[in-house]
Each structure stands twice: as C-alpha cells, then as structure tokens.
Amino acid sequence: MTTKNIAVAVAAVTSLLVHGTLSLAADTGAAGAQTAANNPMQTGLSSLFAFGAASEADKTVKELQGGGHDPRRNGFTVQNVELTFGGAVDPYLDAQANIVLQIDDAGDTVVELEEAYALTRGLPGGVQVKAGQFFTEFGRQNATHPHTWAFVDQPVVLNRVFGPDGLRSQGARVSWLAPMPWYSELYAGTQNASGPTTTSFMFVPDEKVGEHSLQERRTRRMLYLLRWLNGFDVGDSVSVNLGLSGVSGPNATGSDTTTRIYGADAYLKWTPVQNQRGFPFVAWQSELIQRRYQAGDAGAADHEVLNDWGGYTQLLWGFQPGWITGLRFERADGNGANSADPLRDARTRIAANVTWYPTEYSKLRMQLNRDDAEHLDKKVNAIWLQMEYNLGSHAAHTF
C-alpha cells in the first residue's frame, strides 16, 4: 500500500469514527467529495448489559433462558453489542448492516453478521424488494433487535420454534402496500433453509429436534414466507395492528420432511390526544404460534409429527415521561413424550418489569421472572437488571 493510500484510509476511518460518515474525497477529488456528500453512511453503536440472580444454578438458568441474547447466568452478561451501518445508497436503494459482538460462556468474543440487506426505493404500485441477509418478517418480534425489546429476554415460544437467535437467513422478499382505505401490506419471501439460525428447518447436521437426529440433505433447501399485516385507527387515541404469518420449508430429519409454522399477532396502543412526548400510554401485544414438524420420513419406524404451540401476551403502561412498567404472560407446550426435554416441555413464565429512559439513548430496567417448567421439580425465580446505551445515529426508542 502506498503512502497516499495509507493516508486516505486513515482519513476515511477518522471521518467514520468522528463524524459517523465515510468520506472518500481525499482519494477521488471533487467528484469523490460530491459522492460522499450525497451518500453518507450513518453509523451507530447499541450496547446491552445485564446482571442477575436466580434461585437455581447456571445450568438450570441456561435451560430456561433459551434466547441467544437472554441473560443466561447468575452474575454479569454482555447481552448484545451491535454496530449498525446504514443509509441511502443512491436514488434507488437503501442499505443496512448489523454486526453483533457477544461474549460466550467461555469468555471468548463472538462476532456475527446479523443482517446485511438492501431495500428498493420508489418502486411503482406500492412494491418494495428486500434482499440480503435478514430476519424473517414473521410476527411482531422475530424481526426486531434486542435493544427494541420491551423485556429483558426473548419469549419462550420464539426460542422454541425459531431458536436462540431468531429465524434469519439469506434471501429476498417482496412487499406490496395494497390500495386500501386502511394500511394493508402483503409480504412474500424466500430464504435459504440451512444454517444455525434456521432451527425448525435444515439447521445443523447431528443436532437433534425431539430426539430426531438431523442429517445432511441436498435437496429442497429453501423456506417460504407469507405475511399479511393490517393497521388502522380507532378514533383519535387508539391504533391497532393485526397480522397473520406462515412459513414453510424442509427439515433435516428425513429426505422429504417439511416444517410449517403459523402465527397470528395483534398490537393495540392507546395514547390520549393531550400527551407529553407520547406519555401516558397503554400498549398491548400478543402472538400465537403453532409449529407442525414432520419428523422422519413417512413409513420409517421413527416417523411422527411434532406439534408445538404457544404464545405470549404483554401489557405496557407508560405512566409518565421516561417511565414504563410491563407485565408479560407466556405459555408453550408440545405433543409427545417431551416432559424431560427443556426445548419442548410445558412451560409457563410470568415476567414483570419497570424501565426508566433518562433519554432516548439510554435505559435502565429491572425485571422479575417466575418460570414453571415441566422438566424441573420446582419453580424458578430470577431478578434481572439491564442497562443500555446508544451512540451515534442508531434509531432512537419509540416512546
């Protein structure tokens, strides 16, 4: 690398860290300066940390806290450190990338490309195309990032059907905003069905689902999504969103086995016409999910259909600016001899929390959990304390 190129690289990185944009002007002269001015890259950093104590040892806590970003031990946890890069590529595309850093149980740092995708701008007829690596837009929570969650941990039913890191993969989807009197949008997409973030589908060879070992499978490696989302207002103070989702694809317990997952979700928010920065408010959110998992080829001795179902309902009350309290109830269960399986047994969880936002760029949260799991002979209580801060242009919280 020449001295000039080194200087250009140093200047570009300095611009990125100091100003949040990547400038190429030093390398390309006036034309480069014009391009950089029209195409700034927004950067941000979001960090989530937790401290907690449970009535059982870490082994049990890890079984109960199945989410990849959940606090999964007594003591301190780095839940998520997320770098976000995004912006307008040109008049035709927007793009975003999310790089996540975590510390695993062994104390090693794990770096992961969580999302990296492009979105079209201004296509006619209310059509939008999304392509790259991204969360599958199933239901309300799967496609969201941990810093936007209203609770410390991921709902149990999502851990069960979508795995610890949520359902995400490489692919493309098309959405269409229908010309209706209310907001109505249809989504259709396809993604690769293999890899560690496709738990209910191809997943990883030699792993197990319901005591069925997964095998290498070379055909039908795509999953397919349909979602219909509707939104409307009820008077001046209440807004409602209702959604239906379905995803289907191959799983790896046989040569011709399929998984189908169905979901329904609802969101309702009340905010009085006279409010202060969106407070007070009451928000109710619920999801119901069912998974039908064909395990083993038809005619095989171990053939069966695993059915799992569950959901959660949560209520948030923003009782004064910057202060929100929440209550969530969850239930998940499955058929078959699953009483000793932490991933498929009957589970109930009640969680209550209170969150304080000093500003939209930071928060402090305290949460109490009470878990009742069939594979355990006692209920487990836990308290979690969570801290978050955001730097740069990362999207602020919605109050």
Protein backbone atom coordinates (compact mmCIF):
# COMPACT_ATOMS: atom_id res chain seq x y z
CA MET A 1 0.00 0.00 0.00
CA THR A 2 1.42 3.44 -0.96
CA THR A 3 1.86 6.32 1.46
CA LYS A 4 -1.00 8.15 -0.29
CA ASN A 5 -3.36 5.18 0.09
CA ILE A 6 -2.46 4.81 3.75
CA ALA A 7 -3.25 8.47 4.31
CA VAL A 8 -6.59 8.09 2.51
CA ALA A 9 -7.51 5.05 4.64
CA VAL A 10 -6.58 6.83 7.87
CA ALA A 11 -8.63 9.87 6.86
CA ALA A 12 -11.63 7.72 5.94
CA VAL A 13 -11.59 5.78 9.22
CA THR A 14 -11.12 9.01 11.21
CA SER A 15 -14.13 10.51 9.42
CA LEU A 16 -16.18 7.38 10.19
CA LEU A 17 -15.34 7.42 13.90
CA VAL A 18 -15.62 11.17 14.44
CA HIS A 19 -18.44 12.19 12.11
CA GLY A 20 -20.35 8.94 11.55
CA THR A 21 -19.85 9.14 7.77
CA LEU A 22 -17.26 7.61 5.46
CA SER A 23 -15.59 10.22 3.23
CA LEU A 24 -13.72 9.29 0.03
CA ALA A 25 -12.91 12.84 -1.02
CA ALA A 26 -9.16 12.51 -0.36
CA ASP A 27 -8.95 9.76 -2.98
CA THR A 28 -11.28 10.99 -5.70
CA GLY A 29 -11.03 14.76 -5.59
CA ALA A 30 -14.07 16.96 -6.18
CA ALA A 31 -16.15 14.16 -7.73
CA GLY A 32 -15.50 11.98 -4.71
CA ALA A 33 -16.44 14.79 -2.36
CA GLN A 34 -19.74 15.22 -4.18
CA THR A 35 -20.45 11.45 -3.99
CA ALA A 36 -19.65 11.37 -0.26
CA ALA A 37 -21.92 14.36 0.37
CA ASN A 38 -24.81 12.65 -1.41
CA ASN A 39 -24.15 9.21 0.07
CA PRO A 40 -23.31 9.49 3.80
CA MET A 41 -23.15 6.30 5.83
CA GLN A 42 -24.93 6.50 9.18
CA THR A 43 -23.22 4.60 12.00
CA GLY A 44 -24.31 3.66 15.49
CA LEU A 45 -23.46 1.50 18.46
CA SER A 46 -26.00 -0.10 20.79
CA SER A 47 -24.87 -1.97 23.92
CA LEU A 48 -26.93 -4.14 26.30
CA PHE A 49 -25.61 -5.46 29.61
CA ALA A 50 -27.36 -7.40 32.37
CA PHE A 51 -26.76 -8.52 35.92
CA GLY A 52 -28.95 -11.12 37.59
CA ALA A 53 -29.52 -13.70 40.25
CA ALA A 54 -31.75 -16.79 40.10
CA SER A 55 -32.93 -19.31 42.66
CA GLU A 56 -31.14 -22.10 40.73
CA ALA A 57 -27.63 -22.71 39.39
CA ASP A 58 -26.34 -21.58 35.99
CA LYS A 59 -27.12 -24.92 34.29
CA THR A 60 -30.83 -24.50 35.01
CA VAL A 61 -30.79 -20.79 34.19
CA LYS A 62 -29.30 -21.59 30.77
CA GLU A 63 -32.08 -24.12 30.07
CA LEU A 64 -34.78 -21.60 30.97
CA GLN A 65 -33.25 -18.56 29.26
CA GLY A 66 -33.17 -20.01 25.76
CA GLY A 67 -32.64 -16.82 23.78
CA GLY A 68 -29.20 -16.10 22.39
CA HIS A 69 -29.37 -12.56 23.80
CA ASP A 70 -31.02 -13.53 27.10
CA PRO A 71 -29.06 -13.18 30.34
CA ARG A 72 -28.15 -16.86 30.82
CA ARG A 73 -26.18 -16.96 34.07
CA ASN A 74 -26.04 -15.65 37.60
CA GLY A 75 -23.87 -12.55 37.57
CA PHE A 76 -22.99 -10.36 34.61
CA THR A 77 -23.85 -10.89 30.94
CA VAL A 78 -22.94 -8.94 27.81
CA GLN A 79 -26.25 -9.45 26.03
CA ASN A 80 -25.53 -7.59 22.82
CA VAL A 81 -23.11 -5.05 21.38
CA GLU A 82 -24.38 -4.06 17.96
CA LEU A 83 -22.76 -1.95 15.27
CA THR A 84 -25.21 -0.55 12.73
CA PHE A 85 -24.28 0.90 9.34
CA GLY A 86 -26.92 2.24 7.01
CA GLY A 87 -28.16 4.91 4.70
CA ALA A 88 -29.28 5.74 1.19
CA VAL A 89 -27.07 4.06 -1.41
CA ASP A 90 -28.46 6.10 -4.30
CA PRO A 91 -31.90 7.20 -5.55
CA TYR A 92 -32.86 3.54 -5.97
CA LEU A 93 -31.60 1.69 -2.87
CA ASP A 94 -31.28 1.95 0.90
CA ALA A 95 -28.98 -0.44 2.75
CA GLN A 96 -28.26 -1.54 6.30
CA ALA A 97 -25.84 -3.89 8.04
CA ASN A 98 -25.79 -5.02 11.68
CA ILE A 99 -22.68 -6.59 13.18
CA VAL A 100 -23.11 -8.14 16.63
CA LEU A 101 -20.49 -8.87 19.26
CA GLN A 102 -21.10 -11.09 22.29
CA ILE A 103 -19.05 -12.86 24.95
CA ASP A 104 -19.76 -16.60 25.13
CA ASP A 105 -19.76 -18.89 28.17
CA ALA A 106 -16.00 -19.48 27.78
CA GLY A 107 -15.30 -15.74 27.85
CA ASP A 108 -14.43 -15.52 24.16
CA THR A 109 -15.70 -12.72 21.94
CA VAL A 110 -18.04 -13.83 19.15
CA VAL A 111 -18.51 -11.63 16.08
CA GLU A 112 -21.52 -12.21 13.84
CA LEU A 113 -23.01 -10.62 10.74
CA GLU A 114 -26.62 -10.43 11.91
CA GLU A 115 -28.14 -8.56 8.98
CA ALA A 116 -26.89 -7.00 5.74
CA TYR A 117 -29.53 -6.11 3.16
CA ALA A 118 -30.68 -3.62 0.54
CA LEU A 119 -34.16 -2.13 0.16
CA THR A 120 -35.56 -0.61 -3.02
CA ARG A 121 -36.83 2.97 -3.06
CA GLY A 122 -39.71 4.37 -5.03
CA LEU A 123 -40.87 1.34 -6.99
CA PRO A 124 -44.32 1.90 -8.54
CA GLY A 125 -47.52 0.32 -7.28
CA GLY A 126 -46.57 0.19 -3.61
CA VAL A 127 -43.98 -2.56 -4.23
CA GLN A 128 -40.72 -2.92 -2.29
CA VAL A 129 -37.97 -5.53 -2.64
CA LYS A 130 -35.58 -6.55 0.14
CA ALA A 131 -32.54 -8.77 -0.47
CA GLY A 132 -29.54 -9.98 1.51
CA GLN A 133 -29.15 -11.46 4.99
CA PHE A 134 -32.09 -10.52 7.21
CA PHE A 135 -34.56 -11.59 9.88
CA THR A 136 -37.64 -13.34 8.51
CA GLU A 137 -40.59 -10.97 8.90
CA PHE A 138 -42.78 -13.41 10.80
CA GLY A 139 -44.98 -11.91 13.52
CA ARG A 140 -44.05 -8.87 15.58
CA GLN A 141 -40.88 -9.76 17.49
CA ASN A 142 -38.79 -12.13 15.37
CA ALA A 143 -37.61 -9.36 13.03
CA THR A 144 -36.66 -6.94 15.83
CA HIS A 145 -33.32 -6.34 17.54
CA PRO A 146 -32.75 -6.81 21.30
CA HIS A 147 -32.38 -3.11 22.08
CA THR A 148 -36.00 -2.56 20.97
CA TRP A 149 -37.48 -5.31 23.17
CA ALA A 150 -39.86 -4.35 25.96
CA PHE A 151 -38.50 -7.16 28.17
CA VAL A 152 -35.03 -8.43 29.06
CA ASP A 153 -35.48 -11.78 27.31
CA GLN A 154 -36.99 -13.36 24.21
CA PRO A 155 -40.42 -15.05 24.56
CA VAL A 156 -40.25 -18.79 25.25
CA VAL A 157 -42.30 -19.80 22.20
CA LEU A 158 -39.91 -17.93 19.88
CA ASN A 159 -36.94 -19.72 21.46
CA ARG A 160 -38.69 -22.99 20.75
CA VAL A 161 -39.69 -22.56 17.11
CA PHE A 162 -37.08 -20.09 15.83
CA GLY A 163 -34.07 -20.88 18.01
CA PRO A 164 -31.88 -18.71 20.22
CA ASP A 165 -31.01 -16.14 17.53
CA GLY A 166 -34.37 -15.90 15.77
CA LEU A 167 -35.22 -17.04 12.26
CA ARG A 168 -32.94 -15.28 9.76
CA SER A 169 -31.09 -16.27 6.62
CA GLN A 170 -30.06 -15.16 3.15
CA GLY A 171 -32.78 -14.46 0.60
CA ALA A 172 -35.22 -11.94 -0.82
CA ARG A 173 -38.74 -10.80 -0.20
CA VAL A 174 -41.31 -8.61 -1.95
CA SER A 175 -43.88 -6.47 -0.13
CA TRP A 176 -46.93 -4.76 -1.59
CA LEU A 177 -48.81 -1.91 0.06
CA ALA A 178 -52.34 -2.52 -1.11
CA PRO A 179 -54.53 0.46 -2.16
CA MET A 180 -56.98 0.03 0.70
CA PRO A 181 -58.74 2.60 2.94
CA TRP A 182 -56.56 1.30 5.80
CA TYR A 183 -52.92 0.23 5.95
CA SER A 184 -52.66 -3.25 4.41
CA GLU A 185 -49.35 -4.81 3.37
CA LEU A 186 -48.58 -8.26 1.95
CA TYR A 187 -45.15 -9.91 2.22
CA ALA A 188 -43.82 -12.87 0.24
CA GLY A 189 -40.27 -14.12 0.56
CA THR A 190 -37.84 -16.98 0.19
CA GLN A 191 -34.62 -17.66 2.12
CA ASN A 192 -32.04 -20.41 2.49
CA ALA A 193 -33.32 -23.08 4.88
CA SER A 194 -29.94 -24.22 6.21
CA GLY A 195 -27.64 -22.98 8.94
CA PRO A 196 -27.68 -22.44 12.73
CA THR A 197 -30.33 -19.68 12.54
CA THR A 198 -32.94 -21.92 10.86
CA THR A 199 -33.72 -24.11 13.87
CA SER A 200 -37.02 -25.56 12.66
CA PHE A 201 -35.73 -26.27 9.17
CA MET A 202 -32.41 -27.62 7.90
CA PHE A 203 -30.48 -26.37 10.94
CA VAL A 204 -27.13 -28.13 11.52
CA PRO A 205 -26.37 -31.84 10.88
CA ASP A 206 -26.02 -34.03 14.01
CA GLU A 207 -28.15 -31.67 16.12
CA LYS A 208 -31.43 -33.04 17.50
CA VAL A 209 -35.06 -31.93 17.44
CA GLY A 210 -37.40 -34.01 19.59
CA GLU A 211 -34.80 -36.82 19.78
CA HIS A 212 -34.57 -36.95 15.97
CA SER A 213 -31.02 -36.50 14.69
CA LEU A 214 -30.63 -34.10 11.78
CA GLN A 215 -28.82 -35.31 8.67
CA GLU A 216 -27.22 -33.76 5.63
CA ARG A 217 -29.86 -33.11 2.97
CA ARG A 218 -29.09 -31.85 -0.51
CA THR A 219 -32.50 -31.01 -1.97
CA ARG A 220 -35.32 -28.54 -1.24
CA ARG A 221 -33.16 -26.14 0.72
CA MET A 222 -35.44 -23.04 0.61
CA LEU A 223 -38.07 -21.79 3.04
CA TYR A 224 -41.02 -19.61 2.00
CA LEU A 225 -42.82 -16.84 3.89
CA LEU A 226 -46.23 -15.20 3.57
CA ARG A 227 -47.38 -12.39 5.86
CA TRP A 228 -50.37 -10.06 5.84
CA LEU A 229 -50.28 -7.00 8.10
CA ASN A 230 -53.16 -4.57 8.62
CA GLY A 231 -53.28 -1.36 10.63
CA PHE A 232 -55.99 1.14 11.39
CA ASP A 233 -57.02 3.79 13.90
CA VAL A 234 -59.96 3.58 16.26
CA GLY A 235 -60.81 7.19 16.95
CA ASP A 236 -58.08 9.71 17.72
CA SER A 237 -56.45 7.81 20.59
CA VAL A 238 -56.23 4.12 19.64
CA SER A 239 -54.22 2.41 16.88
CA VAL A 240 -54.43 -1.30 16.05
CA ASN A 241 -52.23 -3.68 14.05
CA LEU A 242 -53.29 -7.23 13.15
CA GLY A 243 -51.10 -9.75 11.37
CA LEU A 244 -51.09 -13.31 10.02
CA SER A 245 -47.88 -15.17 9.12
CA GLY A 246 -46.88 -18.53 7.70
CA VAL A 247 -43.52 -20.06 6.85
CA SER A 248 -42.81 -23.45 5.28
CA GLY A 249 -39.65 -25.31 4.37
CA PRO A 250 -37.73 -28.60 4.56
CA ASN A 251 -36.28 -30.02 7.75
CA ALA A 252 -33.39 -32.47 8.04
CA THR A 253 -34.92 -35.42 9.90
CA GLY A 254 -35.63 -37.20 6.59
CA SER A 255 -35.27 -36.97 2.84
CA ASP A 256 -38.72 -35.45 2.24
CA THR A 257 -39.79 -33.90 5.56
CA THR A 258 -41.35 -30.45 5.96
CA THR A 259 -41.90 -27.91 8.71
CA ARG A 260 -44.80 -25.46 8.70
CA ILE A 261 -45.19 -22.62 11.21
CA TYR A 262 -48.29 -20.44 11.53
CA GLY A 263 -48.76 -17.28 13.57
CA ALA A 264 -51.25 -14.57 14.46
CA ASP A 265 -50.30 -11.31 16.15
CA ALA A 266 -52.05 -8.25 17.50
CA TYR A 267 -50.90 -4.87 18.75
CA LEU A 268 -53.03 -2.11 20.27
CA LYS A 269 -51.85 1.24 21.62
CA TRP A 270 -53.78 3.96 23.41
CA THR A 271 -52.34 7.46 23.73
CA PRO A 272 -54.57 10.38 24.72
CA VAL A 273 -54.79 13.32 22.35
CA GLN A 274 -53.28 15.52 25.05
CA ASN A 275 -49.93 13.90 25.88
CA GLN A 276 -46.37 14.76 26.79
CA ARG A 277 -43.80 13.15 24.44
CA GLY A 278 -46.20 10.23 23.92
CA PHE A 279 -46.96 9.71 27.62
CA PRO A 280 -49.10 8.40 29.15
CA PHE A 281 -49.86 5.34 27.00
CA VAL A 282 -51.03 1.74 27.24
CA ALA A 283 -49.76 -0.83 24.71
CA TRP A 284 -50.92 -4.44 24.42
CA GLN A 285 -49.12 -7.00 22.25
CA SER A 286 -49.77 -10.72 21.72
CA GLU A 287 -48.61 -13.54 19.46
CA LEU A 288 -49.88 -17.09 18.99
CA ILE A 289 -47.65 -19.58 17.12
CA GLN A 290 -48.01 -23.22 16.07
CA ARG A 291 -45.31 -25.43 14.55
CA ARG A 292 -46.04 -28.67 12.66
CA TYR A 293 -42.75 -30.57 12.29
CA GLN A 294 -42.68 -33.76 10.21
CA ALA A 295 -40.02 -35.87 11.94
CA GLY A 296 -38.70 -38.86 10.00
CA ASP A 297 -39.81 -39.99 6.56
CA ALA A 298 -43.27 -41.46 6.11
CA GLY A 299 -43.11 -45.22 6.66
CA ALA A 300 -39.96 -45.05 8.78
CA ALA A 301 -40.07 -46.61 12.24
CA ASP A 302 -39.43 -43.26 13.94
CA HIS A 303 -41.88 -41.23 11.83
CA GLU A 304 -44.09 -38.81 13.78
CA VAL A 305 -45.43 -35.28 13.56
CA LEU A 306 -44.23 -32.99 16.32
CA ASN A 307 -46.71 -30.25 17.15
CA ASP A 308 -45.64 -27.31 19.26
CA TRP A 309 -47.76 -24.34 20.18
CA GLY A 310 -47.67 -21.35 22.46
CA GLY A 311 -47.73 -17.63 22.73
CA TYR A 312 -47.34 -14.60 24.91
CA THR A 313 -49.36 -11.56 25.85
CA GLN A 314 -47.82 -8.43 27.29
CA LEU A 315 -49.12 -5.12 28.59
CA LEU A 316 -47.04 -1.95 28.87
CA TRP A 317 -48.06 1.19 30.76
CA GLY A 318 -46.10 4.39 30.18
CA PHE A 319 -47.28 6.17 33.28
CA GLN A 320 -45.08 9.27 32.98
CA PRO A 321 -42.40 10.54 30.58
CA GLY A 322 -39.47 8.12 30.53
CA TRP A 323 -41.07 5.54 32.83
CA ILE A 324 -42.73 2.30 31.63
CA THR A 325 -43.90 -0.74 33.54
CA GLY A 326 -44.74 -4.05 31.89
CA LEU A 327 -46.32 -7.44 32.57
CA ARG A 328 -45.95 -10.50 30.29
CA PHE A 329 -47.51 -13.97 30.49
CA GLU A 330 -46.21 -16.85 28.36
CA ARG A 331 -47.17 -20.44 27.69
CA ALA A 332 -45.63 -23.08 25.42
CA ASP A 333 -46.19 -26.84 25.06
CA GLY A 334 -45.78 -29.71 22.63
CA ASN A 335 -47.09 -33.21 21.97
CA GLY A 336 -45.25 -36.48 22.52
CA ALA A 337 -43.01 -37.71 25.34
CA ASN A 338 -41.42 -34.34 25.99
CA SER A 339 -41.67 -33.91 29.75
CA ALA A 340 -37.89 -34.22 30.20
CA ASP A 341 -36.95 -32.13 27.14
CA PRO A 342 -36.12 -28.49 28.04
CA LEU A 343 -36.78 -27.47 24.42
CA ARG A 344 -40.28 -29.00 24.10
CA ASP A 345 -41.80 -29.47 27.58
CA ALA A 346 -44.71 -27.48 29.01
CA ARG A 347 -43.51 -24.04 30.03
CA THR A 348 -45.12 -21.09 31.77
CA ARG A 349 -43.43 -17.80 32.54
CA ILE A 350 -44.63 -14.62 34.21
CA ALA A 351 -42.42 -11.54 33.95
CA ALA A 352 -42.87 -8.05 35.38
CA ASN A 353 -40.57 -5.10 34.87
CA VAL A 354 -40.08 -1.37 35.16
CA THR A 355 -37.93 0.64 32.75
CA TRP A 356 -36.51 4.13 33.07
CA TYR A 357 -35.31 6.04 30.00
CA PRO A 358 -33.18 9.01 31.16
CA THR A 359 -33.12 9.95 27.45
CA GLU A 360 -34.00 8.09 24.25
CA TYR A 361 -30.35 6.94 24.07
CA SER A 362 -30.14 5.03 27.34
CA LYS A 363 -32.25 2.93 29.66
CA LEU A 364 -32.20 1.07 32.96
CA ARG A 365 -34.54 -1.88 33.55
CA MET A 366 -35.39 -4.21 36.42
CA GLN A 367 -37.30 -7.43 35.68
CA LEU A 368 -38.63 -10.28 37.80
CA ASN A 369 -39.22 -13.71 36.23
CA ARG A 370 -41.04 -16.74 37.57
CA ASP A 371 -40.62 -19.90 35.47
CA ASP A 372 -42.57 -23.14 35.77
CA ALA A 373 -41.05 -25.86 33.54
CA GLU A 374 -42.24 -29.46 33.31
CA HIS A 375 -38.68 -30.85 33.24
CA LEU A 376 -37.97 -29.25 36.64
CA ASP A 377 -39.46 -30.20 40.00
CA LYS A 378 -39.69 -26.63 41.28
CA LYS A 379 -40.47 -23.11 40.14
CA VAL A 380 -37.51 -20.82 39.46
CA ASN A 381 -37.41 -17.13 40.35
CA ALA A 382 -34.93 -14.62 38.93
CA ILE A 383 -34.22 -10.90 39.04
CA TRP A 384 -32.52 -9.17 36.11
CA LEU A 385 -31.05 -5.67 35.97
CA GLN A 386 -30.37 -4.33 32.48
CA MET A 387 -28.50 -1.29 31.16
CA GLU A 388 -28.43 0.03 27.61
CA TYR A 389 -26.71 2.92 25.88
CA ASN A 390 -26.68 4.07 22.26
CA LEU A 391 -24.05 6.10 20.42
CA GLY A 392 -24.26 7.70 17.01
CA SER A 393 -27.22 7.54 14.67
CA HIS A 394 -28.77 4.30 15.90
CA ALA A 395 -32.54 4.59 15.82
CA ALA A 396 -33.92 6.10 18.98
CA HIS A 397 -36.55 4.32 21.06
CA THR A 398 -40.21 4.92 20.26
CA PHE A 399 -41.91 6.41 23.30
